[in-house]
Protein backbone atom coordinates (compact mmCIF):
# COMPACT_ATOMS: atom_id res chain seq x y z
CA MET A 1 -85.51 117.82 -156.00
CA SER A 2 -85.74 116.01 -152.65
CA GLN A 3 -82.90 114.02 -151.17
CA ILE A 4 -82.10 112.03 -148.02
CA ASN A 5 -78.48 111.69 -146.96
CA ILE A 6 -78.03 108.70 -144.64
CA ARG A 7 -74.71 107.38 -143.40
CA ASN A 8 -76.03 104.01 -142.34
CA LEU A 9 -79.41 102.23 -142.55
CA SER A 10 -79.85 99.04 -140.55
CA ASN A 11 -82.71 96.83 -139.38
CA GLU A 12 -81.82 96.76 -135.69
CA ASN A 13 -84.96 98.00 -133.86
CA ASP A 14 -86.94 95.46 -131.84
CA ASP A 15 -90.07 96.08 -133.87
CA GLY A 16 -88.31 95.45 -137.16
CA SER A 17 -88.28 99.07 -138.27
CA PRO A 18 -85.10 100.49 -139.80
CA GLU A 19 -82.64 102.46 -137.68
CA ILE A 20 -80.99 105.51 -139.23
CA VAL A 21 -77.52 106.30 -137.88
CA GLY A 22 -75.90 109.66 -138.55
CA VAL A 23 -77.18 113.00 -139.81
CA SER A 24 -80.28 112.89 -142.03
CA THR A 25 -80.89 115.86 -144.33
CA PHE A 26 -84.31 116.47 -145.87
CA SER A 27 -84.11 119.01 -148.69
CA ALA A 28 -87.33 120.01 -150.44
CA THR A 29 -89.71 122.89 -151.09
CA SER A 30 -92.79 120.86 -150.17
CA PHE A 31 -93.41 119.36 -146.70
CA PHE A 32 -92.64 116.53 -144.30
CA VAL A 33 -95.54 114.48 -142.86
CA PRO A 34 -94.90 113.00 -139.39
CA PRO A 35 -96.95 110.15 -137.89
CA LYS A 36 -100.35 111.27 -136.59
CA GLY A 37 -103.15 110.02 -134.35
CA THR A 38 -105.48 110.85 -131.46
CA THR A 39 -104.50 111.40 -127.84
CA ALA A 40 -105.75 107.89 -127.02
CA GLU A 41 -103.48 106.48 -129.72
CA ARG A 42 -100.27 107.95 -128.29
CA PRO A 43 -97.58 105.24 -128.17
CA THR A 44 -95.91 104.60 -124.82
CA ASP A 45 -92.97 102.45 -125.95
CA CYS A 46 -91.16 105.12 -127.92
CA GLU A 47 -87.84 106.90 -127.42
CA PRO A 48 -87.56 110.39 -125.85
CA GLY A 49 -87.55 112.92 -128.68
CA SER A 50 -90.11 111.04 -130.79
CA ILE A 51 -92.43 113.37 -132.74
CA ARG A 52 -96.04 112.99 -133.88
CA PHE A 53 -99.07 115.12 -134.79
CA ASN A 54 -102.03 114.95 -132.37
CA THR A 55 -105.28 115.05 -134.34
CA ASP A 56 -107.36 115.80 -131.22
CA THR A 57 -105.46 118.97 -130.27
CA ALA A 58 -104.18 119.89 -133.76
CA ASN A 59 -100.68 120.24 -132.34
CA LEU A 60 -97.27 118.78 -133.07
CA GLU A 61 -95.99 116.98 -129.95
CA TYR A 62 -92.85 115.26 -128.73
CA TYR A 63 -92.12 112.50 -126.19
CA LYS A 64 -90.10 113.49 -123.09
CA GLY A 65 -89.84 110.03 -121.53
CA ASP A 66 -91.79 107.60 -119.36
CA THR A 67 -92.31 110.06 -116.48
CA LEU A 68 -93.15 113.25 -118.39
CA GLY A 69 -94.92 111.71 -121.38
CA TRP A 70 -96.00 113.63 -124.46
CA ARG A 71 -95.73 117.44 -124.66
CA GLN A 72 -96.87 119.96 -127.25
CA PHE A 73 -94.46 122.15 -129.15
CA GLU A 74 -95.06 125.72 -128.00
CA LEU A 75 -94.41 129.08 -129.62
CA VAL A 76 -92.70 131.37 -127.12
CA THR A 77 -92.22 135.01 -128.09
CA SER A 78 -90.71 137.92 -126.22
CA ASP A 79 -93.04 140.37 -127.98
CA LEU A 80 -96.25 139.81 -126.05
CA GLY A 81 -98.86 142.41 -125.34
CA GLY A 82 -99.84 143.53 -128.83
CA GLY A 83 -99.32 147.22 -128.27
CA THR A 84 -98.13 149.76 -130.82
CA GLY A 85 -95.11 152.05 -130.87
CA SER A 86 -93.37 152.16 -127.51
CA ASN A 87 -95.86 149.68 -126.01
CA THR A 88 -94.75 146.63 -128.01
CA GLY A 89 -92.71 143.85 -126.46
CA VAL A 90 -93.85 144.16 -122.84
CA GLY A 91 -93.09 140.47 -122.37
CA ALA A 92 -95.14 138.01 -120.33
CA ARG A 93 -97.00 140.36 -118.02
CA GLY A 94 -99.19 139.28 -115.11
CA LEU A 95 -101.88 141.36 -113.43
CA ILE A 96 -103.04 140.90 -109.82
CA ILE A 97 -106.47 142.50 -109.58
CA ASN A 98 -108.73 143.78 -106.76
CA GLY A 99 -109.37 141.79 -103.57
CA PHE A 100 -110.36 142.31 -99.93
CA ASN A 101 -107.76 144.09 -97.80
CA ALA A 102 -106.81 143.90 -94.12
CA GLY A 103 -108.93 146.98 -93.39
CA GLY A 104 -112.05 145.01 -94.32
CA ASN A 105 -112.69 146.76 -97.62
CA GLN A 106 -113.03 145.78 -101.25
CA THR A 107 -110.30 147.27 -103.44
CA ASN A 108 -109.94 148.26 -107.09
CA THR A 109 -106.12 148.02 -107.14
CA ILE A 110 -104.41 146.47 -110.16
CA ASP A 111 -100.74 145.45 -109.75
CA PHE A 112 -98.50 144.05 -112.45
CA VAL A 113 -95.39 141.89 -112.59
CA THR A 114 -93.03 140.92 -115.39
CA ILE A 115 -93.30 137.16 -115.00
CA SER A 116 -89.76 136.40 -116.12
CA THR A 117 -88.17 138.73 -113.54
CA LEU A 118 -88.26 138.24 -109.75
CA GLY A 119 -89.27 141.35 -107.85
CA ASN A 120 -92.13 143.31 -106.31
CA SER A 121 -95.27 144.20 -108.23
CA GLU A 122 -95.89 147.73 -109.45
CA ASP A 123 -99.03 149.81 -109.75
CA PHE A 124 -100.84 149.33 -113.08
CA GLY A 125 -104.10 151.26 -112.58
CA ASP A 126 -107.57 150.86 -111.07
CA SER A 127 -110.56 148.70 -111.83
CA THR A 128 -113.91 150.34 -112.58
CA ILE A 129 -115.40 149.19 -109.25
CA LYS A 130 -114.10 147.88 -105.92
CA THR A 131 -114.74 144.15 -105.66
CA PHE A 132 -113.32 140.84 -104.45
CA GLY A 133 -113.94 137.25 -105.52
CA ASP A 134 -114.01 138.15 -109.22
CA ALA A 135 -113.34 135.84 -112.13
CA SER A 136 -110.79 136.75 -114.78
CA CYS A 137 -109.55 135.68 -118.20
CA ALA A 138 -107.39 137.18 -120.92
CA SER A 139 -106.50 137.35 -124.60
CA ARG A 140 -102.99 138.12 -125.87
CA THR A 141 -103.71 141.84 -125.60
CA ARG A 142 -106.43 142.32 -122.94
CA SER A 143 -107.40 141.17 -119.46
CA PHE A 144 -111.04 140.81 -118.43
CA LEU A 145 -112.57 141.04 -114.94
CA LEU A 146 -115.92 139.27 -114.48
CA GLY A 147 -118.37 140.08 -111.69
CA GLY A 148 -117.28 140.16 -108.03
CA SER A 149 -118.65 141.11 -104.63
CA MET A 150 -119.09 144.83 -104.00
CA ALA A 151 -119.72 146.60 -100.69
CA ALA A 152 -123.43 146.30 -101.46
CA GLY A 153 -124.37 143.31 -103.54
CA GLN A 154 -122.69 141.58 -106.43
CA SER A 155 -121.58 142.82 -109.81
CA LYS A 156 -122.36 141.57 -113.31
CA GLU A 157 -119.91 143.90 -115.03
CA ILE A 158 -117.19 142.78 -117.43
CA SER A 159 -114.32 145.27 -117.53
CA THR A 160 -111.06 145.21 -119.46
CA ASN A 161 -107.45 146.45 -119.47
CA VAL A 162 -104.84 146.53 -122.22
CA PHE A 163 -101.71 144.66 -121.06
CA SER A 164 -99.29 146.86 -122.93
CA SER A 165 -100.46 150.15 -121.38
CA LYS A 166 -100.71 151.03 -117.70
CA GLY A 167 -104.05 152.61 -116.93
CA ASN A 168 -107.53 152.16 -115.52
CA ALA A 169 -110.00 149.53 -116.66
CA THR A 170 -112.88 150.33 -118.99
CA ASP A 171 -116.35 148.81 -119.31
CA PHE A 172 -116.71 145.93 -121.78
CA GLY A 173 -120.18 144.40 -121.18
CA ASP A 174 -122.13 142.32 -118.67
CA LEU A 175 -122.40 138.74 -117.43
CA THR A 176 -125.80 137.09 -117.74
CA ASP A 177 -126.41 137.86 -114.01
CA ASN A 178 -124.71 139.22 -110.89
CA ASN A 179 -122.03 136.82 -109.67
CA TYR A 180 -119.28 136.31 -107.12
CA GLY A 181 -116.83 133.44 -106.52
CA ASN A 182 -116.97 132.52 -110.20
CA ARG A 183 -113.91 131.61 -112.27
CA GLY A 184 -112.78 132.22 -115.84
CA LEU A 185 -110.65 130.80 -118.64
CA ALA A 186 -110.04 131.59 -122.30
CA ASP A 187 -108.47 130.63 -125.59
CA SER A 188 -107.29 133.37 -127.97
CA THR A 189 -110.85 134.29 -129.00
CA ARG A 190 -113.39 133.41 -126.30
CA GLY A 191 -113.57 134.32 -122.63
CA VAL A 192 -115.53 131.81 -120.52
CA GLY A 193 -116.92 132.24 -117.00
CA MET A 194 -118.40 129.51 -114.81
CA GLY A 195 -119.83 128.74 -111.41
CA GLY A 196 -120.11 131.23 -108.56
CA GLU A 197 -122.65 132.14 -105.94
CA GLY A 198 -125.03 133.87 -108.32
CA PRO A 199 -127.35 136.70 -107.33
CA GLY A 200 -127.84 136.62 -103.55
CA PRO A 201 -126.79 133.92 -101.04
CA SER A 202 -127.49 130.52 -102.53
CA ALA A 203 -126.07 127.08 -103.04
CA GLY A 204 -124.26 128.46 -106.09
CA GLN A 205 -124.81 127.94 -109.77
CA ASN A 206 -123.59 125.59 -112.49
CA LEU A 207 -123.84 128.12 -115.31
CA ILE A 208 -121.12 128.38 -117.98
CA GLU A 209 -121.21 131.56 -120.09
CA TYR A 210 -118.93 133.07 -122.74
CA PHE A 211 -118.18 136.23 -124.69
CA THR A 212 -116.00 137.17 -127.65
CA MET A 213 -112.95 139.05 -126.40
CA GLY A 214 -112.26 140.89 -129.64
CA SER A 215 -115.41 143.03 -129.53
CA THR A 216 -117.28 144.69 -126.68
CA GLY A 217 -120.48 142.97 -125.63
CA SER A 218 -122.15 140.82 -123.00
CA ALA A 219 -121.86 137.13 -122.15
CA VAL A 220 -124.28 134.49 -123.43
CA ASP A 221 -125.06 130.95 -122.29
CA PHE A 222 -122.50 128.21 -123.04
CA GLY A 223 -123.84 125.23 -121.04
CA ASP A 224 -123.73 123.80 -117.53
CA MET A 225 -121.26 122.22 -115.13
CA SER A 226 -122.22 118.98 -113.41
CA ASN A 227 -122.80 120.71 -110.03
CA LYS A 228 -123.57 124.13 -108.62
CA LYS A 229 -120.30 125.32 -107.09
CA ILE A 230 -118.08 128.22 -106.14
CA GLY A 231 -114.30 128.63 -105.97
CA VAL A 232 -113.26 126.11 -108.64
CA PHE A 233 -109.84 126.05 -110.33
CA THR A 234 -109.46 126.59 -114.09
CA ALA A 235 -106.86 125.73 -116.69
CA ALA A 236 -106.83 125.91 -120.48
CA SER A 237 -105.09 124.91 -123.66
CA SER A 238 -105.93 126.47 -127.01
CA THR A 239 -108.81 123.99 -127.37
CA ARG A 240 -109.81 122.69 -123.96
CA GLY A 241 -110.92 124.33 -120.71
CA VAL A 242 -110.62 122.39 -117.43
CA ILE A 243 -112.62 123.09 -114.26
CA GLY A 244 -112.32 121.32 -110.92
CA GLY A 245 -112.78 121.30 -107.17
CA GLY A 246 -114.86 123.95 -105.42
CA ARG A 247 -117.76 123.75 -102.96
CA VAL A 248 -121.39 124.72 -102.68
CA ALA A 249 -121.86 128.35 -101.69
CA ALA A 250 -124.00 127.64 -98.64
CA PRO A 251 -123.52 126.27 -96.10
CA GLU A 252 -119.81 127.12 -96.24
CA THR A 253 -118.98 124.08 -94.13
CA ALA A 254 -120.29 121.68 -96.77
CA ALA A 255 -117.91 119.04 -98.13
CA LEU A 256 -115.71 119.94 -101.07
CA TYR A 257 -115.89 118.58 -104.60
CA ASN A 258 -112.93 116.64 -105.96
CA GLY A 259 -114.31 116.19 -109.47
CA ILE A 260 -112.59 117.62 -112.57
CA GLU A 261 -114.55 118.49 -115.73
CA PHE A 262 -113.69 119.89 -119.15
CA ILE A 263 -115.19 121.79 -122.06
CA THR A 264 -114.16 122.38 -125.66
CA ILE A 265 -113.83 126.17 -125.70
CA SER A 266 -114.72 126.76 -129.34
CA THR A 267 -118.12 125.00 -129.08
CA THR A 268 -121.02 125.21 -126.62
CA GLY A 269 -122.47 122.53 -124.37
CA ASN A 270 -122.26 120.98 -120.93
CA SER A 271 -118.99 119.96 -119.31
CA SER A 272 -117.78 116.34 -119.39
CA ASP A 273 -115.94 114.24 -116.79
CA PHE A 274 -112.16 114.57 -116.78
CA GLY A 275 -110.99 112.89 -113.54
CA GLU A 276 -110.51 113.67 -109.84
CA LEU A 277 -108.26 115.78 -107.64
CA THR A 278 -105.91 113.91 -105.33
CA THR A 279 -106.84 116.50 -102.69
CA ALA A 280 -110.30 118.09 -102.79
CA THR A 281 -109.98 121.85 -102.40
CA SER A 282 -111.79 125.13 -102.84
CA GLY A 283 -110.79 128.78 -102.91
CA ASN A 284 -107.55 127.96 -104.69
CA ASN A 285 -106.04 129.83 -107.61
CA SER A 286 -108.19 132.52 -109.24
CA GLY A 287 -106.96 133.15 -112.76
CA VAL A 288 -105.88 130.49 -115.26
CA SER A 289 -102.82 128.71 -113.87
CA GLY A 290 -100.76 126.64 -116.25
CA ASN A 291 -99.43 126.50 -119.78
CA SER A 292 -100.96 124.78 -122.79
CA THR A 293 -99.87 121.38 -121.53
CA ARG A 294 -100.28 121.48 -117.74
CA GLY A 295 -102.97 122.90 -115.50
CA MET A 296 -101.93 123.78 -111.95
CA ILE A 297 -104.08 123.56 -108.80
CA VAL A 298 -102.52 125.74 -106.14
CA GLY A 299 -103.34 125.82 -102.41
CA GLY A 300 -106.93 126.28 -101.25
CA TYR A 301 -108.69 125.41 -98.04
CA ASP A 302 -111.21 123.25 -96.27
CA TYR A 303 -113.31 124.24 -93.27
CA PRO A 304 -112.18 122.81 -89.93
CA VAL A 305 -115.45 120.93 -89.54
CA ASN A 306 -114.38 118.79 -92.50
CA ALA A 307 -110.63 118.68 -92.02
CA PRO A 308 -109.62 119.91 -88.56
CA SER A 309 -105.94 119.17 -89.10
CA VAL A 310 -105.67 120.82 -92.51
CA GLY A 311 -107.37 124.20 -92.89
CA TYR A 312 -105.27 125.97 -95.53
CA PHE A 313 -103.47 123.79 -98.07
CA ASN A 314 -99.92 124.37 -99.27
CA ASN A 315 -99.90 121.59 -101.84
CA ILE A 316 -99.61 122.10 -105.60
CA GLN A 317 -101.26 119.57 -107.92
CA PHE A 318 -101.17 119.34 -111.71
CA ILE A 319 -103.05 117.77 -114.59
CA THR A 320 -102.09 117.13 -118.21
CA ILE A 321 -104.80 119.05 -120.06
CA ALA A 322 -104.90 116.89 -123.19
CA THR A 323 -105.18 113.62 -121.23
CA LEU A 324 -108.20 112.66 -119.12
CA GLY A 325 -107.24 111.49 -115.64
CA ASN A 326 -106.62 112.43 -112.03
CA SER A 327 -104.36 115.19 -110.75
CA GLN A 328 -100.85 114.40 -109.55
CA ASP A 329 -98.62 115.87 -106.85
CA PHE A 330 -96.30 118.65 -108.01
CA GLY A 331 -94.80 120.14 -104.84
CA ASP A 332 -95.59 122.65 -102.09
CA LEU A 333 -96.06 126.36 -101.58
CA LEU A 334 -93.88 128.10 -98.98
CA ALA A 335 -97.00 128.31 -96.80
CA GLY A 336 -100.65 127.30 -97.04
CA ARG A 337 -102.93 129.91 -98.59
CA SER A 338 -106.30 130.31 -100.24
CA GLY A 339 -107.83 133.09 -102.30
CA ALA A 340 -104.57 133.74 -104.15
CA ALA A 341 -104.28 135.36 -107.56
CA ASN A 342 -102.54 133.32 -110.28
CA CYS A 343 -100.97 134.26 -113.59
CA THR A 344 -98.58 132.37 -115.83
CA SER A 345 -96.18 132.35 -118.74
CA PRO A 346 -95.48 129.18 -120.76
CA THR A 347 -92.85 128.22 -118.16
CA ARG A 348 -93.54 130.05 -114.88
CA ALA A 349 -96.50 130.37 -112.50
CA ILE A 350 -97.04 133.35 -110.18
CA VAL A 351 -99.07 133.06 -106.94
CA GLY A 352 -99.78 136.39 -105.20
CA ASN A 353 -101.75 137.58 -102.18
CA GLY A 354 -104.17 135.27 -100.32
CA LEU A 355 -105.17 134.26 -96.83
CA ALA A 356 -103.90 131.75 -94.28
CA THR A 357 -103.52 132.76 -90.66
CA SER A 358 -103.61 136.32 -91.96
CA MET A 359 -103.69 138.15 -95.29
CA THR A 360 -100.44 138.23 -97.19
CA ASN A 361 -98.86 140.36 -99.90
CA SER A 362 -96.19 137.79 -100.72
CA ILE A 363 -95.67 136.44 -104.24
CA GLU A 364 -94.34 132.94 -104.90
CA THR A 365 -93.30 131.28 -108.14
CA PHE A 366 -92.52 127.84 -109.56
CA ILE A 367 -91.55 126.40 -112.94
CA ILE A 368 -94.55 124.70 -114.55
CA THR A 369 -92.59 122.33 -116.80
CA THR A 370 -90.87 120.54 -113.89
CA THR A 371 -92.05 119.45 -110.43
CA GLY A 372 -90.96 120.93 -107.10
CA ASN A 373 -91.67 123.54 -104.48
CA SER A 374 -92.30 127.24 -104.99
CA VAL A 375 -89.77 129.96 -104.15
CA ASP A 376 -90.11 133.62 -103.19
CA PHE A 377 -90.76 136.07 -106.06
CA GLY A 378 -91.48 139.38 -104.29
CA ASP A 379 -94.40 141.31 -102.77
CA THR A 380 -97.55 142.99 -104.04
CA THR A 381 -98.37 146.61 -103.19
CA GLU A 382 -100.92 145.58 -100.51
CA ALA A 383 -101.93 142.46 -98.60
CA ARG A 384 -105.27 141.22 -99.98
CA ARG A 385 -107.29 138.03 -100.26
CA THR A 386 -109.61 136.76 -103.02
CA SER A 387 -107.81 138.77 -105.67
CA THR A 388 -107.68 137.38 -109.19
CA GLY A 389 -104.93 137.19 -111.78
CA ALA A 390 -104.55 137.39 -115.56
CA SER A 391 -101.67 137.21 -118.02
CA ASN A 392 -101.00 137.69 -121.74
CA ALA A 393 -99.16 134.36 -121.93
CA HIS A 394 -101.42 131.73 -120.33
CA GLY A 395 -102.00 128.24 -121.70
CA GLY A 396 -105.14 129.08 -123.65
CA LEU A 397 -103.10 131.29 -125.97
């Protein structure tokens, strides 16, 4: 039997709908059906705490108020990593992978941090080859490193690590071609790579490619971005991948892109227009930065010929992944930097390594669900630039 216990029912709302005062108890063995509709049909005149089902994203969402808007309900678990035995429950773990060090050499160093705990990174293992400018993506259990620039030429290798176990990377498969300066994103099933310089110095490429993370193998064609570009930012929910910013690979002094595009990860096809960045940037975060609701655009740079008073950016921008539109201001980093590695949990972003006036090993952090400036987190094991990051708790999961 189902019952509703209501202390008072009155017709006092402005729209004529009834207002329920007191505690309402729904008792049944069946189900409760909330209002539903598309993202475009979201109401804007509702009370904070209102609940609906979004038919575009297949998620239950709630209204946080006029400024914050609609947000998805998220499952947060302390047992991330998917290991067995003593390796279960590693928490939200972030990897900071490879990069170019102050000695002028590519590295194969992998550091890790526990995202919920401030402190220095620790050694995790080594990548299969020494590279910088790689792309990365991750499932709940594995990280993936895509391509990168070696001492001689570019790589097409895809390698992988298991989050729950420290150790060296192993070979997984290959990209469709050698690549550097590309970027990656993922949902829980597919890893997606896009952009980059491609084989040999060029104006870059607009290729999007994907692979299935659950089984070893090589990437195949997904579609194309609107432009050939390098150094874009990426963000993802469980359904949508977002790509933005970047520049052509040559000449390096060319103007930056401020366009934002998106793909539906579970399908194939070309990207579609999403909006624009408030500040055009390139060489910003490498590694998906954001949770399932917000995508973060962190730092970056422009060449002095284009912006002589700017150089390295310290600004943080954000987008709402489910809603087409332009980026908004979030706050500032402690200092401008480009080529930083990013990794995230559902609540916290990590920004490690990078380049400004010199290479840095500092790690900063900020809370994704609010707005504001970053704070100090700790240090990595070595100062590097153009590292990449991956986590077992990013927005695509």
